[in-house]
PDB file of all heavy atoms in Angstrom:
ATOM      1  N   PRO A   1      83.258-115.252 -99.661  1.00  0.00           N
ATOM      2  CA  PRO A   1      83.318-114.319 -98.524  1.00  0.00           C
ATOM      3  C   PRO A   1      84.614-113.585 -98.455  1.00  0.00           C
ATOM      4  O   PRO A   1      84.703-112.573 -97.780  1.00  0.00           O
ATOM      5  CB  PRO A   1      83.114-115.239 -97.327  1.00  0.00           C
ATOM      6  CG  PRO A   1      83.542-116.585 -97.775  1.00  0.00           C
ATOM      7  CD  PRO A   1      83.267-116.652 -99.225  1.00  0.00           C
ATOM      8  N   ASP A   2      85.635-114.014 -99.169  1.00  0.00           N
ATOM      9  CA  ASP A   2      86.926-113.310 -99.115  1.00  0.00           C
ATOM     10  C   ASP A   2      86.990-112.155-100.106  1.00  0.00           C
ATOM     11  O   ASP A   2      87.970-111.422-100.113  1.00  0.00           O
ATOM     12  CB  ASP A   2      88.063-114.302 -99.399  1.00  0.00           C
ATOM     13  CG  ASP A   2      88.115-115.416 -98.353  1.00  0.00           C
ATOM     14  OD1 ASP A   2      87.798-115.104 -97.173  1.00  0.00           O
ATOM     15  OD2 ASP A   2      88.475-116.516 -98.745  1.00  0.00           O
ATOM     16  N   VAL A   3      85.992-111.988-100.977  1.00  0.00           N
ATOM     17  CA  VAL A   3      86.006-110.916-101.990  1.00  0.00           C
ATOM     18  C   VAL A   3      84.943-109.906-101.621  1.00  0.00           C
ATOM     19  O   VAL A   3      83.760-110.240-101.509  1.00  0.00           O
ATOM     20  CB  VAL A   3      85.725-111.465-103.399  1.00  0.00           C
ATOM     21  CG1 VAL A   3      85.732-110.328-104.395  1.00  0.00           C
ATOM     22  CG2 VAL A   3      86.793-112.493-103.757  1.00  0.00           C
ATOM     23  N   ALA A   4      85.366-108.665-101.359  1.00  0.00           N
ATOM     24  CA  ALA A   4      84.411-107.599-100.973  1.00  0.00           C
ATOM     25  C   ALA A   4      83.583-107.178-102.158  1.00  0.00           C
ATOM     26  O   ALA A   4      84.100-107.086-103.267  1.00  0.00           O
ATOM     27  CB  ALA A   4      85.157-106.392-100.409  1.00  0.00           C
ATOM     28  N   PRO A   5      82.314-106.961-101.920  1.00  0.00           N
ATOM     29  CA  PRO A   5      81.470-106.477-103.033  1.00  0.00           C
ATOM     30  C   PRO A   5      81.885-105.079-103.456  1.00  0.00           C
ATOM     31  O   PRO A   5      82.424-104.294-102.673  1.00  0.00           O
ATOM     32  CB  PRO A   5      80.048-106.497-102.449  1.00  0.00           C
ATOM     33  CG  PRO A   5      80.242-106.375-100.970  1.00  0.00           C
ATOM     34  CD  PRO A   5      81.540-107.079-100.676  1.00  0.00           C
ATOM     35  N   SER A   6      81.599-104.711-104.695  1.00  0.00           N
ATOM     36  CA  SER A   6      81.993-103.380-105.220  1.00  0.00           C
ATOM     37  C   SER A   6      81.210-102.282-104.502  1.00  0.00           C
ATOM     38  O   SER A   6      80.037-102.426-104.195  1.00  0.00           O
ATOM     39  CB  SER A   6      81.759-103.321-106.736  1.00  0.00           C
ATOM     40  OG  SER A   6      80.379-103.469-107.014  1.00  0.00           O
ATOM     41  N   ASP A   7      81.855-101.104-104.243  1.00  0.00           N
ATOM     42  CA  ASP A   7      81.227 -99.924-103.561  1.00  0.00           C
ATOM     43  C   ASP A   7      80.625 -99.023-104.623  1.00  0.00           C
ATOM     44  O   ASP A   7      81.347 -98.506-105.474  1.00  0.00           O
ATOM     45  CB  ASP A   7      82.298 -99.194-102.761  1.00  0.00           C
ATOM     46  CG  ASP A   7      81.677 -98.139-101.869  1.00  0.00           C
ATOM     47  OD1 ASP A   7      80.464 -97.812-102.027  1.00  0.00           O
ATOM     48  OD2 ASP A   7      82.400 -97.582-101.012  1.00  0.00           O
ATOM     49  N   PRO A   8      79.306 -98.851-104.573  1.00  0.00           N
ATOM     50  CA  PRO A   8      78.685 -97.998-105.611  1.00  0.00           C
ATOM     51  C   PRO A   8      79.225 -96.595-105.579  1.00  0.00           C
ATOM     52  O   PRO A   8      79.203 -95.896-106.572  1.00  0.00           O
ATOM     53  CB  PRO A   8      77.190 -98.032-105.257  1.00  0.00           C
ATOM     54  CG  PRO A   8      77.013 -99.183-104.316  1.00  0.00           C
ATOM     55  CD  PRO A   8      78.334 -99.407-103.665  1.00  0.00           C
ATOM     56  N   ARG A   9      79.650 -96.068-104.431  1.00  0.00           N
ATOM     57  CA  ARG A   9      80.106 -94.674-104.364  1.00  0.00           C
ATOM     58  C   ARG A   9      81.357 -94.463-105.181  1.00  0.00           C
ATOM     59  O   ARG A   9      81.642 -93.369-105.630  1.00  0.00           O
ATOM     60  CB  ARG A   9      80.372 -94.317-102.890  1.00  0.00           C
ATOM     61  CG  ARG A   9      79.083 -94.235-102.061  1.00  0.00           C
ATOM     62  CD  ARG A   9      79.368 -94.013-100.610  1.00  0.00           C
ATOM     63  NE  ARG A   9      80.039 -95.171-100.043  1.00  0.00           N
ATOM     64  CZ  ARG A   9      80.402 -95.234 -98.773  1.00  0.00           C
ATOM     65  NH1 ARG A   9      80.213 -94.215 -97.965  1.00  0.00           N
ATOM     66  NH2 ARG A   9      81.000 -96.327 -98.306  1.00  0.00           N
ATOM     67  N   LYS A  10      82.138 -95.572-105.408  1.00  0.00           N
ATOM     68  CA  LYS A  10      83.334 -95.409-106.224  1.00  0.00           C
ATOM     69  C   LYS A  10      82.997 -95.202-107.673  1.00  0.00           C
ATOM     70  O   LYS A  10      83.739 -94.606-108.415  1.00  0.00           O
ATOM     71  CB  LYS A  10      84.235 -96.648-106.081  1.00  0.00           C
ATOM     72  CG  LYS A  10      84.783 -96.797-104.673  1.00  0.00           C
ATOM     73  CD  LYS A  10      85.680 -98.018-104.575  1.00  0.00           C
ATOM     74  CE  LYS A  10      86.228 -98.184-103.182  1.00  0.00           C
ATOM     75  NZ  LYS A  10      87.107 -99.364-103.048  1.00  0.00           N
ATOM     76  N   ASP A  11      81.860 -95.718-108.096  1.00  0.00           N
ATOM     77  CA  ASP A  11      81.466 -95.552-109.499  1.00  0.00           C
ATOM     78  C   ASP A  11      80.650 -94.292-109.733  1.00  0.00           C
ATOM     79  O   ASP A  11      80.389 -93.918-110.854  1.00  0.00           O
ATOM     80  CB  ASP A  11      80.651 -96.778-109.949  1.00  0.00           C
ATOM     81  CG  ASP A  11      81.447 -98.056-109.809  1.00  0.00           C
ATOM     82  OD1 ASP A  11      82.680 -97.975-110.007  1.00  0.00           O
ATOM     83  OD2 ASP A  11      80.829 -99.079-109.523  1.00  0.00           O
ATOM     84  N   ALA A  12      80.150 -93.633-108.626  1.00  0.00           N
ATOM     85  CA  ALA A  12      79.283 -92.448-108.799  1.00  0.00           C
ATOM     86  C   ALA A  12      80.137 -91.229-109.080  1.00  0.00           C
ATOM     87  O   ALA A  12      81.308 -91.153-108.684  1.00  0.00           O
ATOM     88  CB  ALA A  12      78.457 -92.234-107.525  1.00  0.00           C
ATOM     89  N   PRO A  13      79.577 -90.241-109.764  1.00  0.00           N
ATOM     90  CA  PRO A  13      80.326 -88.985-110.026  1.00  0.00           C
ATOM     91  C   PRO A  13      80.644 -88.310-108.722  1.00  0.00           C
ATOM     92  O   PRO A  13      79.899 -88.358-107.754  1.00  0.00           O
ATOM     93  CB  PRO A  13      79.344 -88.153-110.858  1.00  0.00           C
ATOM     94  CG  PRO A  13      78.348 -89.124-111.402  1.00  0.00           C
ATOM     95  CD  PRO A  13      78.260 -90.211-110.384  1.00  0.00           C
ATOM     96  N   VAL A  14      81.755 -87.572-108.719  1.00  0.00           N
ATOM     97  CA  VAL A  14      82.184 -86.843-107.521  1.00  0.00           C
ATOM     98  C   VAL A  14      81.469 -85.511-107.471  1.00  0.00           C
ATOM     99  O   VAL A  14      81.464 -84.762-108.449  1.00  0.00           O
ATOM    100  CB  VAL A  14      83.706 -86.632-107.543  1.00  0.00           C
ATOM    101  CG1 VAL A  14      84.144 -85.845-106.310  1.00  0.00           C
ATOM    102  CG2 VAL A  14      84.415 -87.982-107.605  1.00  0.00           C
ATOM    103  N   SER A  15      80.832 -85.186-106.318  1.00  0.00           N
ATOM    104  CA  SER A  15      80.106 -83.919-106.178  1.00  0.00           C
ATOM    105  C   SER A  15      81.073 -82.760-106.101  1.00  0.00           C
ATOM    106  O   SER A  15      82.175 -82.881-105.553  1.00  0.00           O
ATOM    107  CB  SER A  15      79.246 -83.940-104.900  1.00  0.00           C
ATOM    108  OG  SER A  15      78.302 -84.966-104.955  1.00  0.00           O
ATOM    109  N   THR A  16      80.643 -81.588-106.661  1.00  0.00           N
ATOM    110  CA  THR A  16      81.462 -80.368-106.568  1.00  0.00           C
ATOM    111  C   THR A  16      81.279 -79.786-105.197  1.00  0.00           C
ATOM    112  O   THR A  16      80.358 -80.115-104.461  1.00  0.00           O
ATOM    113  CB  THR A  16      81.047 -79.358-107.641  1.00  0.00           C
ATOM    114  OG1 THR A  16      79.707 -78.971-107.392  1.00  0.00           O
ATOM    115  CG2 THR A  16      81.156 -79.947-109.031  1.00  0.00           C
ATOM    116  N   ALA A  17      82.134 -78.802-104.894  1.00  0.00           N
ATOM    117  CA  ALA A  17      82.087 -78.200-103.554  1.00  0.00           C
ATOM    118  C   ALA A  17      80.790 -77.471-103.311  1.00  0.00           C
ATOM    119  O   ALA A  17      80.341 -77.335-102.187  1.00  0.00           O
ATOM    120  CB  ALA A  17      83.274 -77.242-103.374  1.00  0.00           C
ATOM    121  N   SER A  18      80.133 -76.994-104.382  1.00  0.00           N
ATOM    122  CA  SER A  18      78.908 -76.206-104.192  1.00  0.00           C
ATOM    123  C   SER A  18      77.688 -77.070-103.996  1.00  0.00           C
ATOM    124  O   SER A  18      76.632 -76.588-103.628  1.00  0.00           O
ATOM    125  CB  SER A  18      78.676 -75.297-105.409  1.00  0.00           C
ATOM    126  OG  SER A  18      78.518 -76.081-106.570  1.00  0.00           O
ATOM    127  N   GLU A  19      77.788 -78.414-104.283  1.00  0.00           N
ATOM    128  CA  GLU A  19      76.628 -79.274-104.164  1.00  0.00           C
ATOM    129  C   GLU A  19      76.551 -79.823-102.753  1.00  0.00           C
ATOM    130  O   GLU A  19      77.553 -80.104-102.110  1.00  0.00           O
ATOM    131  CB  GLU A  19      76.723 -80.429-105.152  1.00  0.00           C
ATOM    132  CG  GLU A  19      76.611 -79.969-106.611  1.00  0.00           C
ATOM    133  CD  GLU A  19      76.849 -81.136-107.544  1.00  0.00           C
ATOM    134  OE1 GLU A  19      77.517 -82.101-107.147  1.00  0.00           O
ATOM    135  OE2 GLU A  19      76.340 -81.082-108.678  1.00  0.00           O
ATOM    136  N   GLN A  20      75.334 -79.957-102.241  1.00  0.00           N
ATOM    137  CA  GLN A  20      75.120 -80.503-100.917  1.00  0.00           C
ATOM    138  C   GLN A  20      74.696 -81.961-101.063  1.00  0.00           C
ATOM    139  O   GLN A  20      73.784 -82.263-101.844  1.00  0.00           O
ATOM    140  CB  GLN A  20      74.025 -79.720-100.179  1.00  0.00           C
ATOM    141  CG  GLN A  20      74.359 -78.248 -99.958  1.00  0.00           C
ATOM    142  CD  GLN A  20      75.539 -78.103 -99.043  1.00  0.00           C
ATOM    143  OE1 GLN A  20      75.703 -78.904 -98.120  1.00  0.00           O
ATOM    144  NE2 GLN A  20      76.403 -77.123 -99.324  1.00  0.00           N
ATOM    145  N   PRO A  21      75.341 -82.894-100.332  1.00  0.00           N
ATOM    146  CA  PRO A  21      74.957 -84.311-100.428  1.00  0.00           C
ATOM    147  C   PRO A  21      73.569 -84.514 -99.868  1.00  0.00           C
ATOM    148  O   PRO A  21      73.178 -83.865 -98.907  1.00  0.00           O
ATOM    149  CB  PRO A  21      76.016 -85.025 -99.564  1.00  0.00           C
ATOM    150  CG  PRO A  21      76.472 -83.961 -98.614  1.00  0.00           C
ATOM    151  CD  PRO A  21      76.420 -82.673 -99.367  1.00  0.00           C
ATOM    152  N   PRO A  22      72.764 -85.368-100.486  1.00  0.00           N
ATOM    153  CA  PRO A  22      71.404 -85.602-100.003  1.00  0.00           C
ATOM    154  C   PRO A  22      71.449 -86.302 -98.662  1.00  0.00           C
ATOM    155  O   PRO A  22      72.332 -87.088 -98.376  1.00  0.00           O
ATOM    156  CB  PRO A  22      70.795 -86.494-101.091  1.00  0.00           C
ATOM    157  CG  PRO A  22      71.962 -87.175-101.715  1.00  0.00           C
ATOM    158  CD  PRO A  22      73.097 -86.195-101.648  1.00  0.00           C
ATOM    159  N   THR A  23      70.458 -85.942 -97.849  1.00  0.00           N
ATOM    160  CA  THR A  23      70.329 -86.603 -96.556  1.00  0.00           C
ATOM    161  C   THR A  23      69.476 -87.848 -96.704  1.00  0.00           C
ATOM    162  O   THR A  23      68.824 -88.064 -97.722  1.00  0.00           O
ATOM    163  CB  THR A  23      69.703 -85.657 -95.531  1.00  0.00           C
ATOM    164  OG1 THR A  23      68.380 -85.339 -95.955  1.00  0.00           O
ATOM    165  CG2 THR A  23      70.493 -84.358 -95.411  1.00  0.00           C
ATOM    166  N   ALA A  24      69.407 -88.658 -95.631  1.00  0.00           N
ATOM    167  CA  ALA A  24      68.605 -89.898 -95.668  1.00  0.00           C
ATOM    168  C   ALA A  24      67.151 -89.595 -95.878  1.00  0.00           C
ATOM    169  O   ALA A  24      66.428 -90.349 -96.513  1.00  0.00           O
ATOM    170  CB  ALA A  24      68.819 -90.670 -94.360  1.00  0.00           C
ATOM    171  N   GLU A  25      66.718 -88.436 -95.316  1.00  0.00           N
ATOM    172  CA  GLU A  25      65.296 -88.095 -95.485  1.00  0.00           C
ATOM    173  C   GLU A  25      64.955 -87.767 -96.919  1.00  0.00           C
ATOM    174  O   GLU A  25      63.817 -87.897 -97.368  1.00  0.00           O
ATOM    175  CB  GLU A  25      64.954 -86.912 -94.584  1.00  0.00           C
ATOM    176  CG  GLU A  25      64.922 -87.236 -93.098  1.00  0.00           C
ATOM    177  CD  GLU A  25      66.306 -87.228 -92.500  1.00  0.00           C
ATOM    178  OE1 GLU A  25      67.255 -86.992 -93.266  1.00  0.00           O
ATOM    179  OE2 GLU A  25      66.462 -87.467 -91.292  1.00  0.00           O
ATOM    180  N   ASP A  26      65.986 -87.234 -97.684  1.00  0.00           N
ATOM    181  CA  ASP A  26      65.715 -86.817 -99.065  1.00  0.00           C
ATOM    182  C   ASP A  26      65.678 -88.002-100.030  1.00  0.00           C
ATOM    183  O   ASP A  26      65.085 -87.929-101.101  1.00  0.00           O
ATOM    184  CB  ASP A  26      66.789 -85.841 -99.518  1.00  0.00           C
ATOM    185  CG  ASP A  26      66.737 -84.562 -98.688  1.00  0.00           C
ATOM    186  OD1 ASP A  26      65.608 -84.145 -98.307  1.00  0.00           O
ATOM    187  OD2 ASP A  26      67.801 -83.956 -98.437  1.00  0.00           O
ATOM    188  N   LEU A  27      66.380 -89.153 -99.705  1.00  0.00           N
ATOM    189  CA  LEU A  27      66.483 -90.264-100.642  1.00  0.00           C
ATOM    190  C   LEU A  27      65.230 -91.127-100.598  1.00  0.00           C
ATOM    191  O   LEU A  27      64.636 -91.341 -99.525  1.00  0.00           O
ATOM    192  CB  LEU A  27      67.697 -91.143-100.278  1.00  0.00           C
ATOM    193  CG  LEU A  27      69.066 -90.442-100.466  1.00  0.00           C
ATOM    194  CD1 LEU A  27      70.168 -91.371 -99.999  1.00  0.00           C
ATOM    195  CD2 LEU A  27      69.241 -90.033-101.907  1.00  0.00           C
ATOM    196  N   PRO A  28      64.833 -91.697-101.739  1.00  0.00           N
ATOM    197  CA  PRO A  28      63.650 -92.571-101.757  1.00  0.00           C
ATOM    198  C   PRO A  28      63.962 -93.894-101.051  1.00  0.00           C
ATOM    199  O   PRO A  28      65.075 -94.399-101.097  1.00  0.00           O
ATOM    200  CB  PRO A  28      63.375 -92.790-103.246  1.00  0.00           C
ATOM    201  CG  PRO A  28      64.687 -92.553-103.904  1.00  0.00           C
ATOM    202  CD  PRO A  28      65.397 -91.493-103.091  1.00  0.00           C
ATOM    203  N   THR A  29      62.954 -94.395-100.384  1.00  0.00           N
ATOM    204  CA  THR A  29      63.096 -95.690 -99.680  1.00  0.00           C
ATOM    205  C   THR A  29      62.801 -96.842-100.645  1.00  0.00           C
ATOM    206  O   THR A  29      61.756 -96.845-101.294  1.00  0.00           O
ATOM    207  CB  THR A  29      62.133 -95.750 -98.497  1.00  0.00           C
ATOM    208  OG1 THR A  29      62.443 -94.634 -97.621  1.00  0.00           O
ATOM    209  CG2 THR A  29      62.278 -97.056 -97.742  1.00  0.00           C
ATOM    210  N   LEU A  30      63.741 -97.851-100.795  1.00  0.00           N
ATOM    211  CA  LEU A  30      63.567 -98.983-101.697  1.00  0.00           C
ATOM    212  C   LEU A  30      63.275-100.235-100.864  1.00  0.00           C
ATOM    213  O   LEU A  30      64.053-100.602 -99.982  1.00  0.00           O
ATOM    214  CB  LEU A  30      64.838 -99.226-102.529  1.00  0.00           C
ATOM    215  CG  LEU A  30      65.286 -98.030-103.390  1.00  0.00           C
ATOM    216  CD1 LEU A  30      66.548 -98.401-104.142  1.00  0.00           C
ATOM    217  CD2 LEU A  30      64.167 -97.655-104.372  1.00  0.00           C
ATOM    218  N   ARG A  31      62.153-100.808-101.093  1.00  0.00           N
ATOM    219  CA  ARG A  31      61.791-102.030-100.361  1.00  0.00           C
ATOM    220  C   ARG A  31      61.957-103.230-101.320  1.00  0.00           C
ATOM    221  O   ARG A  31      61.250-103.334-102.318  1.00  0.00           O
ATOM    222  CB  ARG A  31      60.344-101.948 -99.862  1.00  0.00           C
ATOM    223  CG  ARG A  31      60.153-100.821 -98.861  1.00  0.00           C
ATOM    224  CD  ARG A  31      58.750-100.835 -98.272  1.00  0.00           C
ATOM    225  NE  ARG A  31      58.585 -99.769 -97.345  1.00  0.00           N
ATOM    226  CZ  ARG A  31      58.955 -99.833 -96.049  1.00  0.00           C
ATOM    227  NH1 ARG A  31      59.506-100.957 -95.597  1.00  0.00           N
ATOM    228  NH2 ARG A  31      58.755 -98.805 -95.250  1.00  0.00           N
ATOM    229  N   LEU A  32      62.943-104.231-101.038  1.00  0.00           N
ATOM    230  CA  LEU A  32      63.228-105.392-101.886  1.00  0.00           C
ATOM    231  C   LEU A  32      62.618-106.652-101.255  1.00  0.00           C
ATOM    232  O   LEU A  32      62.594-106.795-100.021  1.00  0.00           O
ATOM    233  CB  LEU A  32      64.749-105.587-102.020  1.00  0.00           C
ATOM    234  CG  LEU A  32      65.487-104.370-102.624  1.00  0.00           C
ATOM    235  CD1 LEU A  32      66.978-104.659-102.650  1.00  0.00           C
ATOM    236  CD2 LEU A  32      64.956-104.064-104.021  1.00  0.00           C
ATOM    237  N   PRO A  33      62.183-107.557-102.069  1.00  0.00           N
ATOM    238  CA  PRO A  33      61.592-108.795-101.521  1.00  0.00           C
ATOM    239  C   PRO A  33      62.670-109.666-100.862  1.00  0.00           C
ATOM    240  O   PRO A  33      63.788-109.767-101.372  1.00  0.00           O
ATOM    241  CB  PRO A  33      61.001-109.492-102.757  1.00  0.00           C
ATOM    242  CG  PRO A  33      61.762-108.922-103.904  1.00  0.00           C
ATOM    243  CD  PRO A  33      62.128-107.528-103.537  1.00  0.00           C
ATOM    244  N   GLN A  34      62.331-110.242 -99.713  1.00  0.00           N
ATOM    245  CA  GLN A  34      63.286-111.104 -98.995  1.00  0.00           C
ATOM    246  C   GLN A  34      62.967-112.616 -99.268  1.00  0.00           C
ATOM    247  O   GLN A  34      61.810-112.986 -99.355  1.00  0.00           O
ATOM    248  CB  GLN A  34      63.198-110.822 -97.492  1.00  0.00           C
ATOM    249  CG  GLN A  34      63.622-109.387 -97.141  1.00  0.00           C
ATOM    250  CD  GLN A  34      63.607-109.182 -95.645  1.00  0.00           C
ATOM    251  OE1 GLN A  34      63.227-110.081 -94.902  1.00  0.00           O
ATOM    252  NE2 GLN A  34      64.035-108.002 -95.231  1.00  0.00           N
ATOM    253  N   GLN A  35      64.058-113.421 -99.345  1.00  0.00           N
ATOM    254  CA  GLN A  35      63.875-114.865 -99.564  1.00  0.00           C
ATOM    255  C   GLN A  35      63.817-115.609 -98.219  1.00  0.00           C
ATOM    256  O   GLN A  35      64.484-115.228 -97.274  1.00  0.00           O
ATOM    257  CB  GLN A  35      65.057-115.443-100.367  1.00  0.00           C
ATOM    258  CG  GLN A  35      65.138-114.852-101.762  1.00  0.00           C
ATOM    259  CD  GLN A  35      66.319-115.439-102.505  1.00  0.00           C
ATOM    260  OE1 GLN A  35      67.069-116.275-101.954  1.00  0.00           O
ATOM    261  NE2 GLN A  35      66.481-115.087-103.746  1.00  0.00           N
TER     262      GLN A  35
END
């Protein structure tokens, strides 16, 4: 619990000024099985 998990946004490419970030409505919904 003392080690923060890695942030995926740090590994993703940086968007240029002309690109618009996707909204929540545009991203696909991922449903994972729960234990």
